[in-house]
C-alpha atoms as a PDB file:
ATOM      1  CA  MET A   1     -25.257  -2.116 -23.462  1.00  0.00           C
ATOM      2  CA  LEU A   2     -21.357  -2.340 -24.158  1.00  0.00           C
ATOM      3  CA  ASP A   3     -20.971  -4.670 -27.366  1.00  0.00           C
ATOM      4  CA  GLN A   4     -18.540  -7.617 -25.455  1.00  0.00           C
ATOM      5  CA  ASP A   5     -18.386 -11.271 -24.172  1.00  0.00           C
ATOM      6  CA  SER A   6     -20.042 -12.595 -21.027  1.00  0.00           C
ATOM      7  CA  THR A   7     -16.568 -11.267 -19.068  1.00  0.00           C
ATOM      8  CA  PRO A   8     -17.011  -8.333 -16.745  1.00  0.00           C
ATOM      9  CA  ARG A   9     -14.399  -5.712 -17.569  1.00  0.00           C
ATOM     10  CA  ILE A  10     -12.534  -5.337 -14.232  1.00  0.00           C
ATOM     11  CA  ILE A  11     -10.729  -2.173 -13.272  1.00  0.00           C
ATOM     12  CA  ALA A  12      -8.657  -1.505 -10.158  1.00  0.00           C
ATOM     13  CA  ILE A  13      -9.319   2.040  -8.636  1.00  0.00           C
ATOM     14  CA  ALA A  14      -5.785   2.499  -7.069  1.00  0.00           C
ATOM     15  CA  ASN A  15      -3.438   4.763  -5.592  1.00  0.00           C
ATOM     16  CA  GLN A  16      -1.369   4.196  -2.458  1.00  0.00           C
ATOM     17  CA  LYS A  17      -2.147   8.090  -1.465  1.00  0.00           C
ATOM     18  CA  GLY A  18      -4.465   8.125   0.906  1.00  0.00           C
ATOM     19  CA  GLY A  19      -7.514  10.840   1.010  1.00  0.00           C
ATOM     20  CA  VAL A  20      -7.576  11.617  -3.077  1.00  0.00           C
ATOM     21  CA  GLY A  21     -10.857   9.948  -3.849  1.00  0.00           C
ATOM     22  CA  LYS A  22     -10.586   6.391  -4.407  1.00  0.00           C
ATOM     23  CA  THR A  23     -13.926   5.142  -2.725  1.00  0.00           C
ATOM     24  CA  THR A  24     -15.664   8.485  -3.854  1.00  0.00           C
ATOM     25  CA  THR A  25     -14.287   7.335  -7.576  1.00  0.00           C
ATOM     26  CA  ALA A  26     -15.795   3.870  -6.641  1.00  0.00           C
ATOM     27  CA  ILE A  27     -19.010   4.816  -5.215  1.00  0.00           C
ATOM     28  CA  ASN A  28     -20.009   7.613  -7.759  1.00  0.00           C
ATOM     29  CA  LEU A  29     -18.626   6.515 -10.872  1.00  0.00           C
ATOM     30  CA  GLY A  30     -20.383   2.699 -10.022  1.00  0.00           C
ATOM     31  CA  THR A  31     -23.383   4.761  -9.688  1.00  0.00           C
ATOM     32  CA  ALA A  32     -22.992   6.840 -12.996  1.00  0.00           C
ATOM     33  CA  LEU A  33     -22.399   3.607 -15.494  1.00  0.00           C
ATOM     34  CA  ALA A  34     -25.212   1.488 -13.378  1.00  0.00           C
ATOM     35  CA  ALA A  35     -27.688   4.489 -14.345  1.00  0.00           C
ATOM     36  CA  LEU A  36     -26.781   4.275 -17.804  1.00  0.00           C
ATOM     37  CA  GLY A  37     -27.611   0.503 -17.789  1.00  0.00           C
ATOM     38  CA  HIS A  38     -24.619  -1.497 -17.221  1.00  0.00           C
ATOM     39  CA  ASP A  39     -24.765  -3.845 -14.230  1.00  0.00           C
ATOM     40  CA  VAL A  40     -22.120  -3.367 -11.905  1.00  0.00           C
ATOM     41  CA  LEU A  41     -19.979  -4.527  -8.811  1.00  0.00           C
ATOM     42  CA  VAL A  42     -18.173  -2.946  -6.691  1.00  0.00           C
ATOM     43  CA  ILE A  43     -15.869  -5.361  -4.581  1.00  0.00           C
ATOM     44  CA  ASP A  44     -14.791  -3.528  -1.317  1.00  0.00           C
ATOM     45  CA  LEU A  45     -11.092  -4.546  -0.804  1.00  0.00           C
ATOM     46  CA  ASP A  46     -10.274  -1.480   1.662  1.00  0.00           C
ATOM     47  CA  PRO A  47     -10.566  -3.501   5.519  1.00  0.00           C
ATOM     48  CA  GLN A  48     -11.582   0.653   6.646  1.00  0.00           C
ATOM     49  CA  GLY A  49     -15.251  -0.724   4.201  1.00  0.00           C
ATOM     50  CA  ASN A  50     -15.793   2.837   3.341  1.00  0.00           C
ATOM     51  CA  ALA A  51     -17.229   2.028  -0.009  1.00  0.00           C
ATOM     52  CA  SER A  52     -19.762  -0.392   1.969  1.00  0.00           C
ATOM     53  CA  THR A  53     -21.072   2.468   4.007  1.00  0.00           C
ATOM     54  CA  GLY A  54     -21.055   5.019   1.360  1.00  0.00           C
ATOM     55  CA  LEU A  55     -23.815   2.422  -0.408  1.00  0.00           C
ATOM     56  CA  GLY A  56     -25.405   2.010   2.611  1.00  0.00           C
ATOM     57  CA  ILE A  57     -24.369  -1.763   3.824  1.00  0.00           C
ATOM     58  CA  SER A  58     -23.976  -1.342   7.384  1.00  0.00           C
ATOM     59  CA  PRO A  59     -22.105  -3.355   9.233  1.00  0.00           C
ATOM     60  CA  SER A  60     -24.365  -5.477  10.942  1.00  0.00           C
ATOM     61  CA  GLU A  61     -25.611  -6.479   7.572  1.00  0.00           C
ATOM     62  CA  ARG A  62     -22.163  -7.621   6.219  1.00  0.00           C
ATOM     63  CA  THR A  63     -22.217 -11.533   6.363  1.00  0.00           C
ATOM     64  CA  PHE A  64     -20.472 -11.604   3.452  1.00  0.00           C
ATOM     65  CA  THR A  65     -17.560  -9.900   2.984  1.00  0.00           C
ATOM     66  CA  THR A  66     -14.268  -9.596   0.888  1.00  0.00           C
ATOM     67  CA  TYR A  67     -12.297 -11.496   3.705  1.00  0.00           C
ATOM     68  CA  ASP A  68     -14.819 -14.338   2.984  1.00  0.00           C
ATOM     69  CA  LEU A  69     -14.316 -14.308  -0.876  1.00  0.00           C
ATOM     70  CA  LEU A  70     -10.635 -14.610  -0.057  1.00  0.00           C
ATOM     71  CA  PHE A  71     -10.308 -16.838   1.997  1.00  0.00           C
ATOM     72  CA  ARG A  72     -13.816 -19.439   2.395  1.00  0.00           C
ATOM     73  CA  ARG A  73     -14.077 -20.520  -1.191  1.00  0.00           C
ATOM     74  CA  GLU A  74     -15.292 -24.089  -0.805  1.00  0.00           C
ATOM     75  CA  GLY A  75     -18.744 -24.812  -0.203  1.00  0.00           C
ATOM     76  CA  VAL A  76     -19.203 -20.703   0.348  1.00  0.00           C
ATOM     77  CA  ASP A  77     -21.407 -18.679  -2.302  1.00  0.00           C
ATOM     78  CA  VAL A  78     -20.504 -15.737  -3.458  1.00  0.00           C
ATOM     79  CA  GLN A  79     -22.818 -12.808  -2.160  1.00  0.00           C
ATOM     80  CA  SER A  80     -23.117  -9.304  -3.224  1.00  0.00           C
ATOM     81  CA  TYR A  81     -25.220  -6.567  -1.519  1.00  0.00           C
ATOM     82  CA  MET A  82     -27.904  -4.649  -3.644  1.00  0.00           C
ATOM     83  CA  THR A  83     -27.445  -0.785  -3.410  1.00  0.00           C
ATOM     84  CA  ALA A  84     -30.297   2.121  -3.379  1.00  0.00           C
ATOM     85  CA  VAL A  85     -29.189   2.502  -7.025  1.00  0.00           C
ATOM     86  CA  PRO A  86     -30.372  -0.338  -8.867  1.00  0.00           C
ATOM     87  CA  GLY A  87     -27.686  -2.465 -11.505  1.00  0.00           C
ATOM     88  CA  LEU A  88     -25.234  -1.626  -8.549  1.00  0.00           C
ATOM     89  CA  GLN A  89     -24.092  -3.934  -6.188  1.00  0.00           C
ATOM     90  CA  ILE A  90     -21.486  -4.634  -3.419  1.00  0.00           C
ATOM     91  CA  ILE A  91     -19.495  -6.958  -1.942  1.00  0.00           C
ATOM     92  CA  PRO A  92     -18.694  -5.141   1.341  1.00  0.00           C
ATOM     93  CA  ALA A  93     -15.302  -5.324   3.900  1.00  0.00           C
ATOM     94  CA  THR A  94     -15.216  -5.255   7.694  1.00  0.00           C
ATOM     95  CA  PRO A  95     -12.057  -4.524   9.843  1.00  0.00           C
ATOM     96  CA  ASP A  96     -11.222  -8.735   9.573  1.00  0.00           C
ATOM     97  CA  LEU A  97      -9.294  -8.019   6.113  1.00  0.00           C
ATOM     98  CA  SER A  98      -6.968  -6.146   7.869  1.00  0.00           C
ATOM     99  CA  SER A  99      -5.010  -9.271   8.436  1.00  0.00           C
ATOM    100  CA  ALA A 100      -5.017 -10.140   4.801  1.00  0.00           C
ATOM    101  CA  ASP A 101      -1.641  -9.498   4.243  1.00  0.00           C
ATOM    102  CA  VAL A 102      -1.042 -12.083   7.228  1.00  0.00           C
ATOM    103  CA  ASP A 103      -3.448 -14.444   6.176  1.00  0.00           C
ATOM    104  CA  MET A 104      -1.484 -14.581   2.741  1.00  0.00           C
ATOM    105  CA  VAL A 105       1.893 -14.456   3.749  1.00  0.00           C
ATOM    106  CA  SER A 106       2.625 -17.967   3.199  1.00  0.00           C
ATOM    107  CA  ASP A 107       0.286 -18.844   0.401  1.00  0.00           C
ATOM    108  CA  PRO A 108       2.635 -19.653  -2.948  1.00  0.00           C
ATOM    109  CA  ARG A 109      -0.255 -17.528  -4.808  1.00  0.00           C
ATOM    110  CA  ARG A 110      -0.885 -15.162  -2.476  1.00  0.00           C
ATOM    111  CA  LEU A 111      -0.216 -12.774  -5.516  1.00  0.00           C
ATOM    112  CA  HIS A 112      -2.529 -14.186  -7.287  1.00  0.00           C
ATOM    113  CA  ARG A 113      -5.810 -15.064  -4.820  1.00  0.00           C
ATOM    114  CA  MET A 114      -8.138 -12.934  -6.143  1.00  0.00           C
ATOM    115  CA  ARG A 115      -7.522 -13.594  -9.002  1.00  0.00           C
ATOM    116  CA  ASP A 116      -8.052 -17.221  -8.546  1.00  0.00           C
ATOM    117  CA  VAL A 117     -11.201 -16.419  -7.117  1.00  0.00           C
ATOM    118  CA  LEU A 118     -12.380 -14.548  -9.513  1.00  0.00           C
ATOM    119  CA  ARG A 119     -11.904 -17.285 -12.398  1.00  0.00           C
ATOM    120  CA  SER A 120     -13.080 -20.364  -9.658  1.00  0.00           C
ATOM    121  CA  LYS A 121     -16.455 -18.316  -8.699  1.00  0.00           C
ATOM    122  CA  ILE A 122     -17.219 -17.171 -12.373  1.00  0.00           C
ATOM    123  CA  GLU A 123     -20.308 -18.271 -12.514  1.00  0.00           C
ATOM    124  CA  ALA A 124     -21.869 -15.657  -9.888  1.00  0.00           C
ATOM    125  CA  PHE A 125     -19.598 -12.726 -12.186  1.00  0.00           C
ATOM    126  CA  SER A 126     -20.518 -13.585 -15.296  1.00  0.00           C
ATOM    127  CA  GLU A 127     -23.593 -11.022 -15.803  1.00  0.00           C
ATOM    128  CA  ARG A 128     -21.365  -8.401 -14.648  1.00  0.00           C
ATOM    129  CA  GLU A 129     -20.388  -5.571 -17.032  1.00  0.00           C
ATOM    130  CA  PHE A 130     -18.038  -4.216 -15.042  1.00  0.00           C
ATOM    131  CA  ILE A 131     -16.572  -5.061 -11.263  1.00  0.00           C
ATOM    132  CA  LEU A 132     -14.708  -1.602 -10.044  1.00  0.00           C
ATOM    133  CA  ILE A 133     -12.412  -2.806  -6.815  1.00  0.00           C
ATOM    134  CA  ASP A 134     -12.386  -0.455  -4.387  1.00  0.00           C
ATOM    135  CA  CYS A 135      -8.205  -0.483  -2.981  1.00  0.00           C
ATOM    136  CA  PRO A 136      -6.766   0.606   0.401  1.00  0.00           C
ATOM    137  CA  PRO A 137      -4.235   3.388   0.546  1.00  0.00           C
ATOM    138  CA  SER A 138      -1.151   1.221   0.134  1.00  0.00           C
ATOM    139  CA  LEU A 139       0.550  -0.939  -2.219  1.00  0.00           C
ATOM    140  CA  ASN A 140       0.545  -3.743  -0.172  1.00  0.00           C
ATOM    141  CA  LEU A 141      -1.060  -7.111  -0.748  1.00  0.00           C
ATOM    142  CA  LEU A 142      -4.560  -6.445  -1.283  1.00  0.00           C
ATOM    143  CA  THR A 143      -4.184  -3.896  -3.986  1.00  0.00           C
ATOM    144  CA  ILE A 144      -1.252  -6.009  -5.838  1.00  0.00           C
ATOM    145  CA  ASN A 145      -4.457  -8.722  -5.724  1.00  0.00           C
ATOM    146  CA  ALA A 146      -6.342  -6.367  -7.592  1.00  0.00           C
ATOM    147  CA  LEU A 147      -3.697  -5.228 -10.147  1.00  0.00           C
ATOM    148  CA  VAL A 148      -3.283  -9.302 -10.744  1.00  0.00           C
ATOM    149  CA  SER A 149      -6.799  -9.624 -11.583  1.00  0.00           C
ATOM    150  CA  ALA A 150      -7.664  -6.324 -13.339  1.00  0.00           C
ATOM    151  CA  ASP A 151      -8.169  -5.780 -16.828  1.00  0.00           C
ATOM    152  CA  THR A 152      -7.139  -1.997 -16.028  1.00  0.00           C
ATOM    153  CA  VAL A 153      -6.318   0.714 -13.252  1.00  0.00           C
ATOM    154  CA  LEU A 154      -7.864   3.717 -13.186  1.00  0.00           C
ATOM    155  CA  VAL A 155      -6.266   6.261 -11.000  1.00  0.00           C
ATOM    156  CA  PRO A 156      -7.466   9.554  -8.955  1.00  0.00           C
ATOM    157  CA  LEU A 157      -4.989  11.613  -8.719  1.00  0.00           C
ATOM    158  CA  GLN A 158      -5.427  15.354  -6.000  1.00  0.00           C
ATOM    159  CA  CYS A 159      -4.262  18.091  -7.748  1.00  0.00           C
ATOM    160  CA  GLU A 160      -1.230  19.028  -5.368  1.00  0.00           C
ATOM    161  CA  PHE A 161       1.784  19.248  -5.177  1.00  0.00           C
ATOM    162  CA  PHE A 162       3.264  16.071  -4.738  1.00  0.00           C
ATOM    163  CA  ALA A 163       1.129  14.129  -7.070  1.00  0.00           C
ATOM    164  CA  LEU A 164       3.536  12.819  -9.849  1.00  0.00           C
ATOM    165  CA  GLU A 165       5.779  12.418  -7.210  1.00  0.00           C
ATOM    166  CA  GLY A 166       2.992   9.589  -5.836  1.00  0.00           C
ATOM    167  CA  LEU A 167       1.926   8.463  -8.818  1.00  0.00           C
ATOM    168  CA  SER A 168       5.578   7.355 -10.440  1.00  0.00           C
ATOM    169  CA  GLN A 169       5.537   5.218  -7.864  1.00  0.00           C
ATOM    170  CA  LEU A 170       2.265   3.428  -8.413  1.00  0.00           C
ATOM    171  CA  MET A 171       3.330   3.322 -12.287  1.00  0.00           C
ATOM    172  CA  ARG A 172       6.510   1.265 -11.088  1.00  0.00           C
ATOM    173  CA  THR A 173       4.253  -1.149  -9.677  1.00  0.00           C
ATOM    174  CA  VAL A 174       1.927  -1.526 -12.276  1.00  0.00           C
ATOM    175  CA  GLN A 175       4.990  -2.361 -14.646  1.00  0.00           C
ATOM    176  CA  THR A 176       5.959  -5.163 -12.148  1.00  0.00           C
ATOM    177  CA  VAL A 177       2.660  -6.612 -12.423  1.00  0.00           C
ATOM    178  CA  ARG A 178       2.615  -6.931 -15.915  1.00  0.00           C
ATOM    179  CA  SER A 179       6.283  -8.438 -16.480  1.00  0.00           C
ATOM    180  CA  ASN A 180       5.875 -10.886 -13.716  1.00  0.00           C
ATOM    181  CA  SER A 181       1.869 -11.571 -13.329  1.00  0.00           C
ATOM    182  CA  ASN A 182      -0.509  -9.657 -15.513  1.00  0.00           C
ATOM    183  CA  PRO A 183       0.537  -8.526 -18.826  1.00  0.00           C
ATOM    184  CA  ALA A 184      -2.399  -7.698 -20.232  1.00  0.00           C
ATOM    185  CA  LEU A 185      -2.744  -4.928 -17.774  1.00  0.00           C
ATOM    186  CA  ARG A 186      -3.292  -1.622 -18.828  1.00  0.00           C
ATOM    187  CA  ILE A 187      -3.554   2.089 -17.545  1.00  0.00           C
ATOM    188  CA  GLU A 188      -7.414   3.069 -17.957  1.00  0.00           C
ATOM    189  CA  GLY A 189      -6.992   6.552 -17.327  1.00  0.00           C
ATOM    190  CA  ILE A 190      -5.943   9.131 -14.723  1.00  0.00           C
ATOM    191  CA  VAL A 191      -8.584  11.122 -12.742  1.00  0.00           C
ATOM    192  CA  LEU A 192      -7.774  14.651 -11.137  1.00  0.00           C
ATOM    193  CA  THR A 193      -9.840  14.699  -8.598  1.00  0.00           C
ATOM    194  CA  MET A 194     -10.302  17.702  -5.860  1.00  0.00           C
ATOM    195  CA  TYR A 195     -10.158  20.321  -8.457  1.00  0.00           C
ATOM    196  CA  ASP A 196     -10.508  23.879  -6.987  1.00  0.00           C
ATOM    197  CA  ARG A 197     -10.766  26.086  -9.536  1.00  0.00           C
ATOM    198  CA  ARG A 198      -9.992  29.389  -7.407  1.00  0.00           C
ATOM    199  CA  ASN A 199      -6.752  27.834  -5.941  1.00  0.00           C
ATOM    200  CA  ASN A 200      -4.154  28.250  -9.348  1.00  0.00           C
ATOM    201  CA  LEU A 201      -2.147  25.156  -7.766  1.00  0.00           C
ATOM    202  CA  SER A 202      -4.697  23.265  -8.973  1.00  0.00           C
ATOM    203  CA  GLY A 203      -4.563  24.147 -12.620  1.00  0.00           C
ATOM    204  CA  GLN A 204      -0.334  24.509 -12.165  1.00  0.00           C
ATOM    205  CA  VAL A 205      -0.930  20.670 -11.127  1.00  0.00           C
ATOM    206  CA  GLU A 206      -3.384  19.472 -13.779  1.00  0.00           C
ATOM    207  CA  ALA A 207      -1.261  21.443 -16.776  1.00  0.00           C
ATOM    208  CA  ASP A 208       1.892  19.526 -14.965  1.00  0.00           C
ATOM    209  CA  VAL A 209       0.346  16.043 -15.511  1.00  0.00           C
ATOM    210  CA  ARG A 210      -1.659  16.395 -18.701  1.00  0.00           C
ATOM    211  CA  ASP A 211       1.774  17.669 -20.232  1.00  0.00           C
ATOM    212  CA  ASN A 212       3.549  14.412 -18.713  1.00  0.00           C
ATOM    213  CA  LEU A 213       1.121  11.707 -19.279  1.00  0.00           C
ATOM    214  CA  GLY A 214      -0.812  13.414 -22.294  1.00  0.00           C
ATOM    215  CA  ALA A 215      -3.829  11.479 -23.814  1.00  0.00           C
ATOM    216  CA  LEU A 216      -4.089   8.576 -20.400  1.00  0.00           C
ATOM    217  CA  VAL A 217      -5.008  11.431 -18.437  1.00  0.00           C
ATOM    218  CA  TYR A 218      -9.173  12.075 -18.649  1.00  0.00           C
ATOM    219  CA  GLU A 219     -10.637  15.196 -19.489  1.00  0.00           C
ATOM    220  CA  THR A 220     -13.390  15.051 -17.025  1.00  0.00           C
ATOM    221  CA  VAL A 221     -12.307  16.965 -13.816  1.00  0.00           C
ATOM    222  CA  ILE A 222     -14.098  16.229 -10.337  1.00  0.00           C
ATOM    223  CA  PRO A 223     -13.741  19.147  -8.594  1.00  0.00           C
ATOM    224  CA  ARG A 224     -13.824  19.735  -4.717  1.00  0.00           C
ATOM    225  CA  ASN A 225     -17.535  19.596  -3.753  1.00  0.00           C
ATOM    226  CA  VAL A 226     -18.830  19.434  -0.245  1.00  0.00           C
ATOM    227  CA  ARG A 227     -21.837  17.504  -1.533  1.00  0.00           C
ATOM    228  CA  LEU A 228     -19.311  14.961  -2.293  1.00  0.00           C
ATOM    229  CA  SER A 229     -17.828  15.295   1.068  1.00  0.00           C
ATOM    230  CA  GLU A 230     -21.195  15.202   2.463  1.00  0.00           C
ATOM    231  CA  ALA A 231     -23.204  11.897   0.901  1.00  0.00           C
ATOM    232  CA  PRO A 232     -20.846   9.351   2.905  1.00  0.00           C
ATOM    233  CA  SER A 233     -23.028  10.263   6.264  1.00  0.00           C
ATOM    234  CA  HIS A 234     -26.184   9.351   4.776  1.00  0.00           C
ATOM    235  CA  ALA A 235     -24.845   6.327   2.840  1.00  0.00           C
ATOM    236  CA  VAL A 236     -25.880   6.974  -0.676  1.00  0.00           C
ATOM    237  CA  PRO A 237     -23.751   7.837  -3.183  1.00  0.00           C
ATOM    238  CA  ALA A 238     -23.245  11.702  -4.159  1.00  0.00           C
ATOM    239  CA  LEU A 239     -25.441  10.793  -7.640  1.00  0.00           C
ATOM    240  CA  ILE A 240     -28.721  10.051  -5.753  1.00  0.00           C
ATOM    241  CA  TYR A 241     -27.815  12.752  -2.721  1.00  0.00           C
ATOM    242  CA  ASP A 242     -27.594  15.663  -5.211  1.00  0.00           C
ATOM    243  CA  HIS A 243     -27.538  14.428  -8.320  1.00  0.00           C
ATOM    244  CA  ALA A 244     -27.682  18.544  -9.675  1.00  0.00           C
ATOM    245  CA  SER A 245     -23.903  19.241  -7.900  1.00  0.00           C
ATOM    246  CA  SER A 246     -20.929  20.048  -9.633  1.00  0.00           C
ATOM    247  CA  GLY A 247     -19.253  16.688  -8.459  1.00  0.00           C
ATOM    248  CA  SER A 248     -22.545  14.562  -9.472  1.00  0.00           C
ATOM    249  CA  ILE A 249     -22.324  16.227 -13.109  1.00  0.00           C
ATOM    250  CA  ALA A 250     -18.558  15.555 -13.259  1.00  0.00           C
ATOM    251  CA  TYR A 251     -18.844  11.863 -12.182  1.00  0.00           C
ATOM    252  CA  GLN A 252     -21.664  11.355 -14.906  1.00  0.00           C
ATOM    253  CA  LYS A 253     -19.631  12.873 -17.445  1.00  0.00           C
ATOM    254  CA  LEU A 254     -16.339  10.422 -16.040  1.00  0.00           C
ATOM    255  CA  ALA A 255     -18.598   7.686 -17.094  1.00  0.00           C
ATOM    256  CA  GLY A 256     -19.607   8.902 -20.534  1.00  0.00           C
ATOM    257  CA  GLU A 257     -15.943   9.601 -21.204  1.00  0.00           C
ATOM    258  CA  LEU A 258     -14.946   5.651 -19.511  1.00  0.00           C
ATOM    259  CA  LEU A 259     -17.253   4.158 -21.702  1.00  0.00           C
ATOM    260  CA  ALA A 260     -16.579   6.014 -24.872  1.00  0.00           C
ATOM    261  CA  ARG A 261     -12.622   5.102 -24.793  1.00  0.00           C
ATOM    262  CA  ILE A 262     -13.855   1.477 -23.939  1.00  0.00           C
ATOM    263  CA  GLN A 263     -15.603   1.794 -27.106  1.00  0.00           C
ATOM    264  CA  GLY A 264     -13.003   3.431 -29.039  1.00  0.00           C
ATOM    265  CA  THR A 265     -10.459   1.134 -27.965  1.00  0.00           C
ATOM    266  CA  ARG A 266     -12.307  -1.895 -29.310  1.00  0.00           C
ATOM    267  CA  ASP A 267     -12.862  -0.362 -32.534  1.00  0.00           C
ATOM    268  CA  VAL A 268      -9.419   0.462 -32.890  1.00  0.00           C
ATOM    269  CA  ALA A 269      -8.813  -3.715 -32.132  1.00  0.00           C
ATOM    270  CA  ALA A 270     -11.791  -4.829 -34.446  1.00  0.00           C
ATOM    271  CA  THR A 271      -9.823  -2.652 -37.512  1.00  0.00           C
ATOM    272  CA  ALA A 272      -6.282  -4.167 -36.912  1.00  0.00           C
END
């Protein structure tokens, strides 16, 4: 277990570009952390609800959702749903969440709504060691809310030609959030996803990203893997669907590397 206080570590998994592996990372990193004995909550902040489906929560079961978390706080107890993975729970999303930007626009605390909720309902989250927020594929009010409430942001980055161009916009947004709303926010790391060793372009993108971002980039690389793609249709994480697949092994390594980085950061802080 991590040596930490009762406050969970909140990690926003974000990239405004769709199809880069945000939800796959939220599901399988959460599963890998839970498998290592950590209590993990996934908050599905994407109106598509793919993380909810991928963790086995059918639409008919979603009686309490992230929309309720954000907009129906008074007198409503926070509910989360057990998944097939011991120690991993989720607050699911439904298409209702697609109206969130409109519903928040007149709220003077619209950028802080998620943060305010997490603080006001802290007793419901105090047993979690990690809260992973699966952000929508855009830099809208939902994503900004996640960044304002998070300790760190983890960025899945697809190994393709325009990867760094999209990343620069997210980095500017993180800097703006840090300057205006959440000065403690930092980058947890960049995770290269959909890596194809048969394609020279993947290697070129990896080299470019590492040259530009250095130690921010995780050593672990998530490969393009058919089992990662198949698992959601079976409503289970890839680590359950096929724990020996290259994608599953990569996410297990990513979880170990994340924990090692966290512990290293704490060790440095303790000796400062």
